[in-house]
Amino acid sequence: MAMWRPPQRIRHTPQPGRWPTAEQAQSARLFSPTQIGPLALQACRETLRNDLIPAFRAATEREAFQQAWLRETDDFKEGVRASDERRPARFTGR
């Protein structure tokens, strides 16, 4: 399938922008540093120290195991073949 192309070349000249003054930048939220309160910081640290890292490790180990055995299945081989041949895959569940 080819990518869509407009019938004519699009002609657009961007207008030059302008930089904000120092006062505008200082008063804008976009340029303001985000403040993290002590309670939020404490909660983040507690999450990282307690259950997040072991849960993440367990999930990634399980994912690696699942991917390893799935790569050996007929369905995986069929999916790769079908993708290479640009046709719908015919999965068998094996």
PDB file of N, CA and C in Angstrom:
ATOM      1  N   MET A   1       0.851  -1.171   0.000  1.00  0.00           N
ATOM      2  CA  MET A   1       0.000   0.000   0.000  1.00  0.00           C
ATOM      3  C   MET A   1       0.900   1.239   0.000  1.00  0.00           C
ATOM      4  N   ALA A   2       0.719   2.094  -0.957  1.00  0.00           N
ATOM      5  CA  ALA A   2       1.549   3.294  -1.069  1.00  0.00           C
ATOM      6  C   ALA A   2       1.046   4.382  -0.131  1.00  0.00           C
ATOM      7  N   MET A   3       1.966   5.200   0.287  1.00  0.00           N
ATOM      8  CA  MET A   3       1.615   6.311   1.168  1.00  0.00           C
ATOM      9  C   MET A   3       0.862   7.379   0.380  1.00  0.00           C
ATOM     10  N   TRP A   4      -0.138   8.000   0.992  1.00  0.00           N
ATOM     11  CA  TRP A   4      -0.914   9.038   0.332  1.00  0.00           C
ATOM     12  C   TRP A   4      -0.037  10.246   0.047  1.00  0.00           C
ATOM     13  N   ARG A   5      -0.218  10.815  -1.110  1.00  0.00           N
ATOM     14  CA  ARG A   5       0.498  12.035  -1.481  1.00  0.00           C
ATOM     15  C   ARG A   5      -0.528  13.053  -1.980  1.00  0.00           C
ATOM     16  N   PRO A   6      -0.341  14.309  -1.622  1.00  0.00           N
ATOM     17  CA  PRO A   6      -1.270  15.331  -2.105  1.00  0.00           C
ATOM     18  C   PRO A   6      -1.118  15.506  -3.611  1.00  0.00           C
ATOM     19  N   PRO A   7      -2.199  15.931  -4.299  1.00  0.00           N
ATOM     20  CA  PRO A   7      -2.126  16.091  -5.748  1.00  0.00           C
ATOM     21  C   PRO A   7      -1.124  17.181  -6.174  1.00  0.00           C
ATOM     22  N   GLN A   8      -0.933  18.183  -5.334  1.00  0.00           N
ATOM     23  CA  GLN A   8       0.025  19.246  -5.637  1.00  0.00           C
ATOM     24  C   GLN A   8       0.985  19.384  -4.475  1.00  0.00           C
ATOM     25  N   ARG A   9       2.148  19.907  -4.766  1.00  0.00           N
ATOM     26  CA  ARG A   9       3.122  20.154  -3.709  1.00  0.00           C
ATOM     27  C   ARG A   9       2.572  21.226  -2.778  1.00  0.00           C
ATOM     28  N   ILE A  10       2.660  20.996  -1.486  1.00  0.00           N
ATOM     29  CA  ILE A  10       2.153  21.952  -0.503  1.00  0.00           C
ATOM     30  C   ILE A  10       3.195  23.040  -0.313  1.00  0.00           C
ATOM     31  N   ARG A  11       2.775  24.264  -0.504  1.00  0.00           N
ATOM     32  CA  ARG A  11       3.689  25.392  -0.343  1.00  0.00           C
ATOM     33  C   ARG A  11       3.304  26.143   0.931  1.00  0.00           C
ATOM     34  N   HIS A  12       4.250  26.202   1.845  1.00  0.00           N
ATOM     35  CA  HIS A  12       3.991  26.873   3.118  1.00  0.00           C
ATOM     36  C   HIS A  12       5.282  27.526   3.580  1.00  0.00           C
ATOM     37  N   THR A  13       5.188  28.803   3.853  1.00  0.00           N
ATOM     38  CA  THR A  13       6.337  29.527   4.386  1.00  0.00           C
ATOM     39  C   THR A  13       6.045  29.839   5.844  1.00  0.00           C
ATOM     40  N   PRO A  14       6.766  29.201   6.766  1.00  0.00           N
ATOM     41  CA  PRO A  14       6.505  29.464   8.182  1.00  0.00           C
ATOM     42  C   PRO A  14       6.893  30.884   8.563  1.00  0.00           C
ATOM     43  N   GLN A  15       6.089  31.466   9.424  1.00  0.00           N
ATOM     44  CA  GLN A  15       6.384  32.805   9.920  1.00  0.00           C
ATOM     45  C   GLN A  15       7.387  32.700  11.055  1.00  0.00           C
ATOM     46  N   PRO A  16       8.349  33.594  11.084  1.00  0.00           N
ATOM     47  CA  PRO A  16       9.318  33.527  12.181  1.00  0.00           C
ATOM     48  C   PRO A  16       8.640  33.819  13.515  1.00  0.00           C
ATOM     49  N   GLY A  17       9.002  33.055  14.519  1.00  0.00           N
ATOM     50  CA  GLY A  17       8.453  33.275  15.853  1.00  0.00           C
ATOM     51  C   GLY A  17       9.256  34.343  16.572  1.00  0.00           C
ATOM     52  N   ARG A  18       8.875  34.594  17.805  1.00  0.00           N
ATOM     53  CA  ARG A  18       9.646  35.561  18.589  1.00  0.00           C
ATOM     54  C   ARG A  18       9.924  34.966  19.951  1.00  0.00           C
ATOM     55  N   TRP A  19      11.067  35.286  20.495  1.00  0.00           N
ATOM     56  CA  TRP A  19      11.440  34.806  21.806  1.00  0.00           C
ATOM     57  C   TRP A  19      10.763  35.653  22.865  1.00  0.00           C
ATOM     58  N   PRO A  20      10.333  35.041  23.974  1.00  0.00           N
ATOM     59  CA  PRO A  20       9.735  35.843  25.043  1.00  0.00           C
ATOM     60  C   PRO A  20      10.814  36.688  25.723  1.00  0.00           C
ATOM     61  N   THR A  21      10.359  37.768  26.283  1.00  0.00           N
ATOM     62  CA  THR A  21      11.288  38.586  27.067  1.00  0.00           C
ATOM     63  C   THR A  21      11.625  37.830  28.347  1.00  0.00           C
ATOM     64  N   ALA A  22      12.638  38.284  29.052  1.00  0.00           N
ATOM     65  CA  ALA A  22      13.025  37.628  30.301  1.00  0.00           C
ATOM     66  C   ALA A  22      11.882  37.670  31.302  1.00  0.00           C
ATOM     67  N   GLU A  23      11.155  38.774  31.339  1.00  0.00           N
ATOM     68  CA  GLU A  23      10.029  38.896  32.274  1.00  0.00           C
ATOM     69  C   GLU A  23       8.910  37.920  31.908  1.00  0.00           C
ATOM     70  N   GLN A  24       8.624  37.798  30.609  1.00  0.00           N
ATOM     71  CA  GLN A  24       7.578  36.877  30.169  1.00  0.00           C
ATOM     72  C   GLN A  24       7.966  35.428  30.484  1.00  0.00           C
ATOM     73  N   ALA A  25       9.201  35.086  30.229  1.00  0.00           N
ATOM     74  CA  ALA A  25       9.652  33.722  30.486  1.00  0.00           C
ATOM     75  C   ALA A  25       9.609  33.403  31.978  1.00  0.00           C
ATOM     76  N   GLN A  26      10.007  34.374  32.786  1.00  0.00           N
ATOM     77  CA  GLN A  26      10.034  34.155  34.226  1.00  0.00           C
ATOM     78  C   GLN A  26       8.633  33.980  34.794  1.00  0.00           C
ATOM     79  N   SER A  27       7.655  34.666  34.218  1.00  0.00           N
ATOM     80  CA  SER A  27       6.293  34.588  34.744  1.00  0.00           C
ATOM     81  C   SER A  27       5.486  33.435  34.139  1.00  0.00           C
ATOM     82  N   ALA A  28       5.997  32.794  33.085  1.00  0.00           N
ATOM     83  CA  ALA A  28       5.243  31.721  32.420  1.00  0.00           C
ATOM     84  C   ALA A  28       5.425  30.403  33.155  1.00  0.00           C
ATOM     85  N   ARG A  29       4.370  29.616  33.263  1.00  0.00           N
ATOM     86  CA  ARG A  29       4.452  28.311  33.916  1.00  0.00           C
ATOM     87  C   ARG A  29       5.341  27.352  33.133  1.00  0.00           C
ATOM     88  N   LEU A  30       5.345  27.493  31.815  1.00  0.00           N
ATOM     89  CA  LEU A  30       6.129  26.607  30.979  1.00  0.00           C
ATOM     90  C   LEU A  30       7.603  26.634  31.361  1.00  0.00           C
ATOM     91  N   PHE A  31       8.086  27.787  31.771  1.00  0.00           N
ATOM     92  CA  PHE A  31       9.499  27.932  32.096  1.00  0.00           C
ATOM     93  C   PHE A  31       9.767  27.825  33.600  1.00  0.00           C
ATOM     94  N   SER A  32       8.747  27.517  34.393  1.00  0.00           N
ATOM     95  CA  SER A  32       8.918  27.441  35.837  1.00  0.00           C
ATOM     96  C   SER A  32       9.313  26.029  36.246  1.00  0.00           C
ATOM     97  N   PRO A  33      10.240  25.859  37.174  1.00  0.00           N
ATOM     98  CA  PRO A  33      10.573  24.510  37.646  1.00  0.00           C
ATOM     99  C   PRO A  33       9.404  23.923  38.425  1.00  0.00           C
ATOM    100  N   THR A  34       9.252  22.625  38.330  1.00  0.00           N
ATOM    101  CA  THR A  34       8.194  21.932  39.053  1.00  0.00           C
ATOM    102  C   THR A  34       8.644  21.696  40.489  1.00  0.00           C
ATOM    103  N   GLN A  35       7.780  21.997  41.411  1.00  0.00           N
ATOM    104  CA  GLN A  35       8.092  21.796  42.819  1.00  0.00           C
ATOM    105  C   GLN A  35       7.527  20.449  43.265  1.00  0.00           C
ATOM    106  N   ILE A  36       8.350  19.633  43.903  1.00  0.00           N
ATOM    107  CA  ILE A  36       7.893  18.368  44.471  1.00  0.00           C
ATOM    108  C   ILE A  36       7.961  18.511  45.983  1.00  0.00           C
ATOM    109  N   GLY A  37       6.815  18.350  46.608  1.00  0.00           N
ATOM    110  CA  GLY A  37       6.761  18.485  48.056  1.00  0.00           C
ATOM    111  C   GLY A  37       7.399  17.305  48.756  1.00  0.00           C
ATOM    112  N   PRO A  38       7.730  17.475  50.006  1.00  0.00           N
ATOM    113  CA  PRO A  38       8.360  16.393  50.759  1.00  0.00           C
ATOM    114  C   PRO A  38       7.502  15.128  50.819  1.00  0.00           C
ATOM    115  N   LEU A  39       6.174  15.260  50.888  1.00  0.00           N
ATOM    116  CA  LEU A  39       5.317  14.069  50.953  1.00  0.00           C
ATOM    117  C   LEU A  39       5.355  13.301  49.636  1.00  0.00           C
ATOM    118  N   ALA A  40       5.331  14.016  48.518  1.00  0.00           N
ATOM    119  CA  ALA A  40       5.379  13.345  47.214  1.00  0.00           C
ATOM    120  C   ALA A  40       6.717  12.645  47.024  1.00  0.00           C
ATOM    121  N   LEU A  41       7.787  13.300  47.407  1.00  0.00           N
ATOM    122  CA  LEU A  41       9.112  12.707  47.289  1.00  0.00           C
ATOM    123  C   LEU A  41       9.229  11.472  48.180  1.00  0.00           C
ATOM    124  N   GLN A  42       8.713  11.564  49.369  1.00  0.00           N
ATOM    125  CA  GLN A  42       8.737  10.434  50.298  1.00  0.00           C
ATOM    126  C   GLN A  42       7.940   9.256  49.729  1.00  0.00           C
ATOM    127  N   ALA A  43       6.779   9.540  49.136  1.00  0.00           N
ATOM    128  CA  ALA A  43       5.945   8.480  48.564  1.00  0.00           C
ATOM    129  C   ALA A  43       6.652   7.810  47.386  1.00  0.00           C
ATOM    130  N   CYS A  44       7.318   8.597  46.537  1.00  0.00           N
ATOM    131  CA  CYS A  44       8.053   8.026  45.406  1.00  0.00           C
ATOM    132  C   CYS A  44       9.176   7.123  45.886  1.00  0.00           C
ATOM    133  N   ARG A  45       9.925   7.591  46.855  1.00  0.00           N
ATOM    134  CA  ARG A  45      11.028   6.776  47.384  1.00  0.00           C
ATOM    135  C   ARG A  45      10.512   5.485  48.010  1.00  0.00           C
ATOM    136  N   GLU A  46       9.409   5.569  48.733  1.00  0.00           N
ATOM    137  CA  GLU A  46       8.838   4.378  49.370  1.00  0.00           C
ATOM    138  C   GLU A  46       8.400   3.368  48.311  1.00  0.00           C
ATOM    139  N   THR A  47       7.797   3.851  47.243  1.00  0.00           N
ATOM    140  CA  THR A  47       7.373   2.956  46.158  1.00  0.00           C
ATOM    141  C   THR A  47       8.577   2.259  45.544  1.00  0.00           C
ATOM    142  N   LEU A  48       9.632   3.030  45.275  1.00  0.00           N
ATOM    143  CA  LEU A  48      10.815   2.442  44.669  1.00  0.00           C
ATOM    144  C   LEU A  48      11.504   1.447  45.598  1.00  0.00           C
ATOM    145  N   ARG A  49      11.526   1.740  46.871  1.00  0.00           N
ATOM    146  CA  ARG A  49      12.211   0.857  47.820  1.00  0.00           C
ATOM    147  C   ARG A  49      11.418  -0.411  48.107  1.00  0.00           C
ATOM    148  N   ASN A  50      10.105  -0.327  48.123  1.00  0.00           N
ATOM    149  CA  ASN A  50       9.298  -1.459  48.574  1.00  0.00           C
ATOM    150  C   ASN A  50       8.986  -2.456  47.474  1.00  0.00           C
ATOM    151  N   ASP A  51       7.902  -2.255  46.763  1.00  0.00           N
ATOM    152  CA  ASP A  51       7.406  -3.317  45.901  1.00  0.00           C
ATOM    153  C   ASP A  51       7.578  -3.093  44.414  1.00  0.00           C
ATOM    154  N   LEU A  52       7.930  -1.921  43.975  1.00  0.00           N
ATOM    155  CA  LEU A  52       7.973  -1.666  42.539  1.00  0.00           C
ATOM    156  C   LEU A  52       9.095  -2.442  41.849  1.00  0.00           C
ATOM    157  N   ILE A  53      10.294  -2.398  42.392  1.00  0.00           N
ATOM    158  CA  ILE A  53      11.427  -3.033  41.732  1.00  0.00           C
ATOM    159  C   ILE A  53      11.289  -4.552  41.702  1.00  0.00           C
ATOM    160  N   PRO A  54      10.947  -5.228  42.818  1.00  0.00           N
ATOM    161  CA  PRO A  54      10.758  -6.688  42.723  1.00  0.00           C
ATOM    162  C   PRO A  54       9.623  -7.073  41.766  1.00  0.00           C
ATOM    163  N   ALA A  55       8.548  -6.299  41.753  1.00  0.00           N
ATOM    164  CA  ALA A  55       7.443  -6.601  40.832  1.00  0.00           C
ATOM    165  C   ALA A  55       7.880  -6.421  39.381  1.00  0.00           C
ATOM    166  N   PHE A  56       8.652  -5.389  39.120  1.00  0.00           N
ATOM    167  CA  PHE A  56       9.152  -5.145  37.760  1.00  0.00           C
ATOM    168  C   PHE A  56      10.089  -6.273  37.330  1.00  0.00           C
ATOM    169  N   ARG A  57      10.979  -6.683  38.238  1.00  0.00           N
ATOM    170  CA  ARG A  57      11.899  -7.784  37.913  1.00  0.00           C
ATOM    171  C   ARG A  57      11.126  -9.066  37.604  1.00  0.00           C
ATOM    172  N   ALA A  58      10.132  -9.366  38.423  1.00  0.00           N
ATOM    173  CA  ALA A  58       9.340 -10.580  38.207  1.00  0.00           C
ATOM    174  C   ALA A  58       8.608 -10.522  36.866  1.00  0.00           C
ATOM    175  N   ALA A  59       8.060  -9.367  36.545  1.00  0.00           N
ATOM    176  CA  ALA A  59       7.326  -9.222  35.280  1.00  0.00           C
ATOM    177  C   ALA A  59       8.261  -9.361  34.084  1.00  0.00           C
ATOM    178  N   THR A  60       9.446  -8.763  34.153  1.00  0.00           N
ATOM    179  CA  THR A  60      10.376  -8.860  33.021  1.00  0.00           C
ATOM    180  C   THR A  60      10.942 -10.274  32.881  1.00  0.00           C
ATOM    181  N   GLU A  61      11.164 -10.970  34.006  1.00  0.00           N
ATOM    182  CA  GLU A  61      11.621 -12.356  33.928  1.00  0.00           C
ATOM    183  C   GLU A  61      10.548 -13.240  33.290  1.00  0.00           C
ATOM    184  N   ARG A  62       9.300 -13.035  33.701  1.00  0.00           N
ATOM    185  CA  ARG A  62       8.202 -13.810  33.115  1.00  0.00           C
ATOM    186  C   ARG A  62       8.078 -13.520  31.626  1.00  0.00           C
ATOM    187  N   GLU A  63       8.182 -12.247  31.248  1.00  0.00           N
ATOM    188  CA  GLU A  63       8.092 -11.866  29.840  1.00  0.00           C
ATOM    189  C   GLU A  63       9.212 -12.509  29.025  1.00  0.00           C
ATOM    190  N   ALA A  64      10.427 -12.516  29.555  1.00  0.00           N
ATOM    191  CA  ALA A  64      11.557 -13.138  28.848  1.00  0.00           C
ATOM    192  C   ALA A  64      11.314 -14.633  28.665  1.00  0.00           C
ATOM    193  N   PHE A  65      10.811 -15.298  29.709  1.00  0.00           N
ATOM    194  CA  PHE A  65      10.508 -16.724  29.618  1.00  0.00           C
ATOM    195  C   PHE A  65       9.438 -16.986  28.557  1.00  0.00           C
ATOM    196  N   GLN A  66       8.358 -16.194  28.591  1.00  0.00           N
ATOM    197  CA  GLN A  66       7.265 -16.376  27.634  1.00  0.00           C
ATOM    198  C   GLN A  66       7.758 -16.167  26.196  1.00  0.00           C
ATOM    199  N   GLN A  67       8.532 -15.116  25.980  1.00  0.00           N
ATOM    200  CA  GLN A  67       9.026 -14.845  24.624  1.00  0.00           C
ATOM    201  C   GLN A  67       9.954 -15.953  24.142  1.00  0.00           C
ATOM    202  N   ALA A  68      10.777 -16.496  25.038  1.00  0.00           N
ATOM    203  CA  ALA A  68      11.714 -17.553  24.649  1.00  0.00           C
ATOM    204  C   ALA A  68      10.978 -18.787  24.137  1.00  0.00           C
ATOM    205  N   TRP A  69       9.955 -19.237  24.877  1.00  0.00           N
ATOM    206  CA  TRP A  69       9.273 -20.442  24.412  1.00  0.00           C
ATOM    207  C   TRP A  69       8.346 -20.159  23.239  1.00  0.00           C
ATOM    208  N   LEU A  70       7.767 -18.965  23.187  1.00  0.00           N
ATOM    209  CA  LEU A  70       6.887 -18.638  22.063  1.00  0.00           C
ATOM    210  C   LEU A  70       7.652 -18.565  20.742  1.00  0.00           C
ATOM    211  N   ARG A  71       8.939 -18.170  20.805  1.00  0.00           N
ATOM    212  CA  ARG A  71       9.747 -18.113  19.587  1.00  0.00           C
ATOM    213  C   ARG A  71       9.941 -19.489  18.952  1.00  0.00           C
ATOM    214  N   GLU A  72       9.737 -20.535  19.720  1.00  0.00           N
ATOM    215  CA  GLU A  72       9.921 -21.895  19.229  1.00  0.00           C
ATOM    216  C   GLU A  72       8.641 -22.500  18.667  1.00  0.00           C
ATOM    217  N   THR A  73       7.522 -21.800  18.742  1.00  0.00           N
ATOM    218  CA  THR A  73       6.246 -22.375  18.307  1.00  0.00           C
ATOM    219  C   THR A  73       6.055 -22.259  16.794  1.00  0.00           C
ATOM    220  N   ASP A  74       5.173 -23.108  16.285  1.00  0.00           N
ATOM    221  CA  ASP A  74       4.818 -23.044  14.865  1.00  0.00           C
ATOM    222  C   ASP A  74       4.119 -21.732  14.533  1.00  0.00           C
ATOM    223  N   ASP A  75       3.321 -21.225  15.490  1.00  0.00           N
ATOM    224  CA  ASP A  75       2.624 -19.956  15.246  1.00  0.00           C
ATOM    225  C   ASP A  75       3.607 -18.803  15.047  1.00  0.00           C
ATOM    226  N   PHE A  76       4.689 -18.792  15.825  1.00  0.00           N
ATOM    227  CA  PHE A  76       5.688 -17.738  15.649  1.00  0.00           C
ATOM    228  C   PHE A  76       6.306 -17.821  14.251  1.00  0.00           C
ATOM    229  N   LYS A  77       6.707 -19.033  13.883  1.00  0.00           N
ATOM    230  CA  LYS A  77       7.324 -19.232  12.561  1.00  0.00           C
ATOM    231  C   LYS A  77       6.359 -18.841  11.447  1.00  0.00           C
ATOM    232  N   GLU A  78       5.085 -19.202  11.608  1.00  0.00           N
ATOM    233  CA  GLU A  78       4.076 -18.833  10.605  1.00  0.00           C
ATOM    234  C   GLU A  78       3.892 -17.325  10.553  1.00  0.00           C
ATOM    235  N   GLY A  79       3.880 -16.661  11.707  1.00  0.00           N
ATOM    236  CA  GLY A  79       3.733 -15.207  11.735  1.00  0.00           C
ATOM    237  C   GLY A  79       4.876 -14.504  11.028  1.00  0.00           C
ATOM    238  N   VAL A  80       6.096 -14.969  11.248  1.00  0.00           N
ATOM    239  CA  VAL A  80       7.260 -14.374  10.577  1.00  0.00           C
ATOM    240  C   VAL A  80       7.178 -14.615   9.076  1.00  0.00           C
ATOM    241  N   ARG A  81       6.854 -15.863   8.693  1.00  0.00           N
ATOM    242  CA  ARG A  81       6.742 -16.199   7.269  1.00  0.00           C
ATOM    243  C   ARG A  81       5.661 -15.357   6.593  1.00  0.00           C
ATOM    244  N   ALA A  82       4.493 -15.254   7.245  1.00  0.00           N
ATOM    245  CA  ALA A  82       3.381 -14.491   6.666  1.00  0.00           C
ATOM    246  C   ALA A  82       3.740 -13.018   6.534  1.00  0.00           C
ATOM    247  N   SER A  83       4.419 -12.477   7.524  1.00  0.00           N
ATOM    248  CA  SER A  83       4.838 -11.075   7.451  1.00  0.00           C
ATOM    249  C   SER A  83       5.816 -10.869   6.309  1.00  0.00           C
ATOM    250  N   ASP A  84       6.755 -11.795   6.156  1.00  0.00           N
ATOM    251  CA  ASP A  84       7.743 -11.703   5.084  1.00  0.00           C
ATOM    252  C   ASP A  84       7.081 -11.800   3.713  1.00  0.00           C
ATOM    253  N   GLU A  85       6.047 -12.635   3.618  1.00  0.00           N
ATOM    254  CA  GLU A  85       5.341 -12.834   2.350  1.00  0.00           C
ATOM    255  C   GLU A  85       4.182 -11.857   2.163  1.00  0.00           C
ATOM    256  N   ARG A  86       3.987 -10.970   3.137  1.00  0.00           N
ATOM    257  CA  ARG A  86       2.931  -9.945   3.079  1.00  0.00           C
ATOM    258  C   ARG A  86       1.552 -10.561   2.849  1.00  0.00           C
ATOM    259  N   ARG A  87       1.232 -11.527   3.698  1.00  0.00           N
ATOM    260  CA  ARG A  87      -0.069 -12.189   3.623  1.00  0.00           C
ATOM    261  C   ARG A  87      -0.592 -12.388   5.037  1.00  0.00           C
ATOM    262  N   PRO A  88      -1.892 -12.610   5.196  1.00  0.00           N
ATOM    263  CA  PRO A  88      -2.434 -12.881   6.525  1.00  0.00           C
ATOM    264  C   PRO A  88      -1.883 -14.209   7.063  1.00  0.00           C
ATOM    265  N   ALA A  89      -1.592 -14.233   8.334  1.00  0.00           N
ATOM    266  CA  ALA A  89      -1.069 -15.456   8.955  1.00  0.00           C
ATOM    267  C   ALA A  89      -2.187 -16.463   9.182  1.00  0.00           C
ATOM    268  N   ARG A  90      -1.842 -17.731   9.147  1.00  0.00           N
ATOM    269  CA  ARG A  90      -2.789 -18.809   9.442  1.00  0.00           C
ATOM    270  C   ARG A  90      -2.271 -19.526  10.688  1.00  0.00           C
ATOM    271  N   PHE A  91      -2.697 -19.034  11.858  1.00  0.00           N
ATOM    272  CA  PHE A  91      -2.232 -19.579  13.130  1.00  0.00           C
ATOM    273  C   PHE A  91      -2.978 -20.856  13.464  1.00  0.00           C
ATOM    274  N   THR A  92      -2.272 -21.816  14.089  1.00  0.00           N
ATOM    275  CA  THR A  92      -2.874 -23.117  14.422  1.00  0.00           C
ATOM    276  C   THR A  92      -2.929 -23.349  15.932  1.00  0.00           C
ATOM    277  N   GLY A  93      -2.303 -22.489  16.713  1.00  0.00           N
ATOM    278  CA  GLY A  93      -2.300 -22.702  18.150  1.00  0.00           C
ATOM    279  C   GLY A  93      -1.243 -23.694  18.611  1.00  0.00           C
ATOM    280  N   ARG A  94      -0.257 -23.936  17.746  1.00  0.00           N
ATOM    281  CA  ARG A  94       0.828 -24.858  18.120  1.00  0.00           C
ATOM    282  C   ARG A  94       2.159 -24.148  18.016  1.00  0.00           C
TER     283      ARG A  94
END
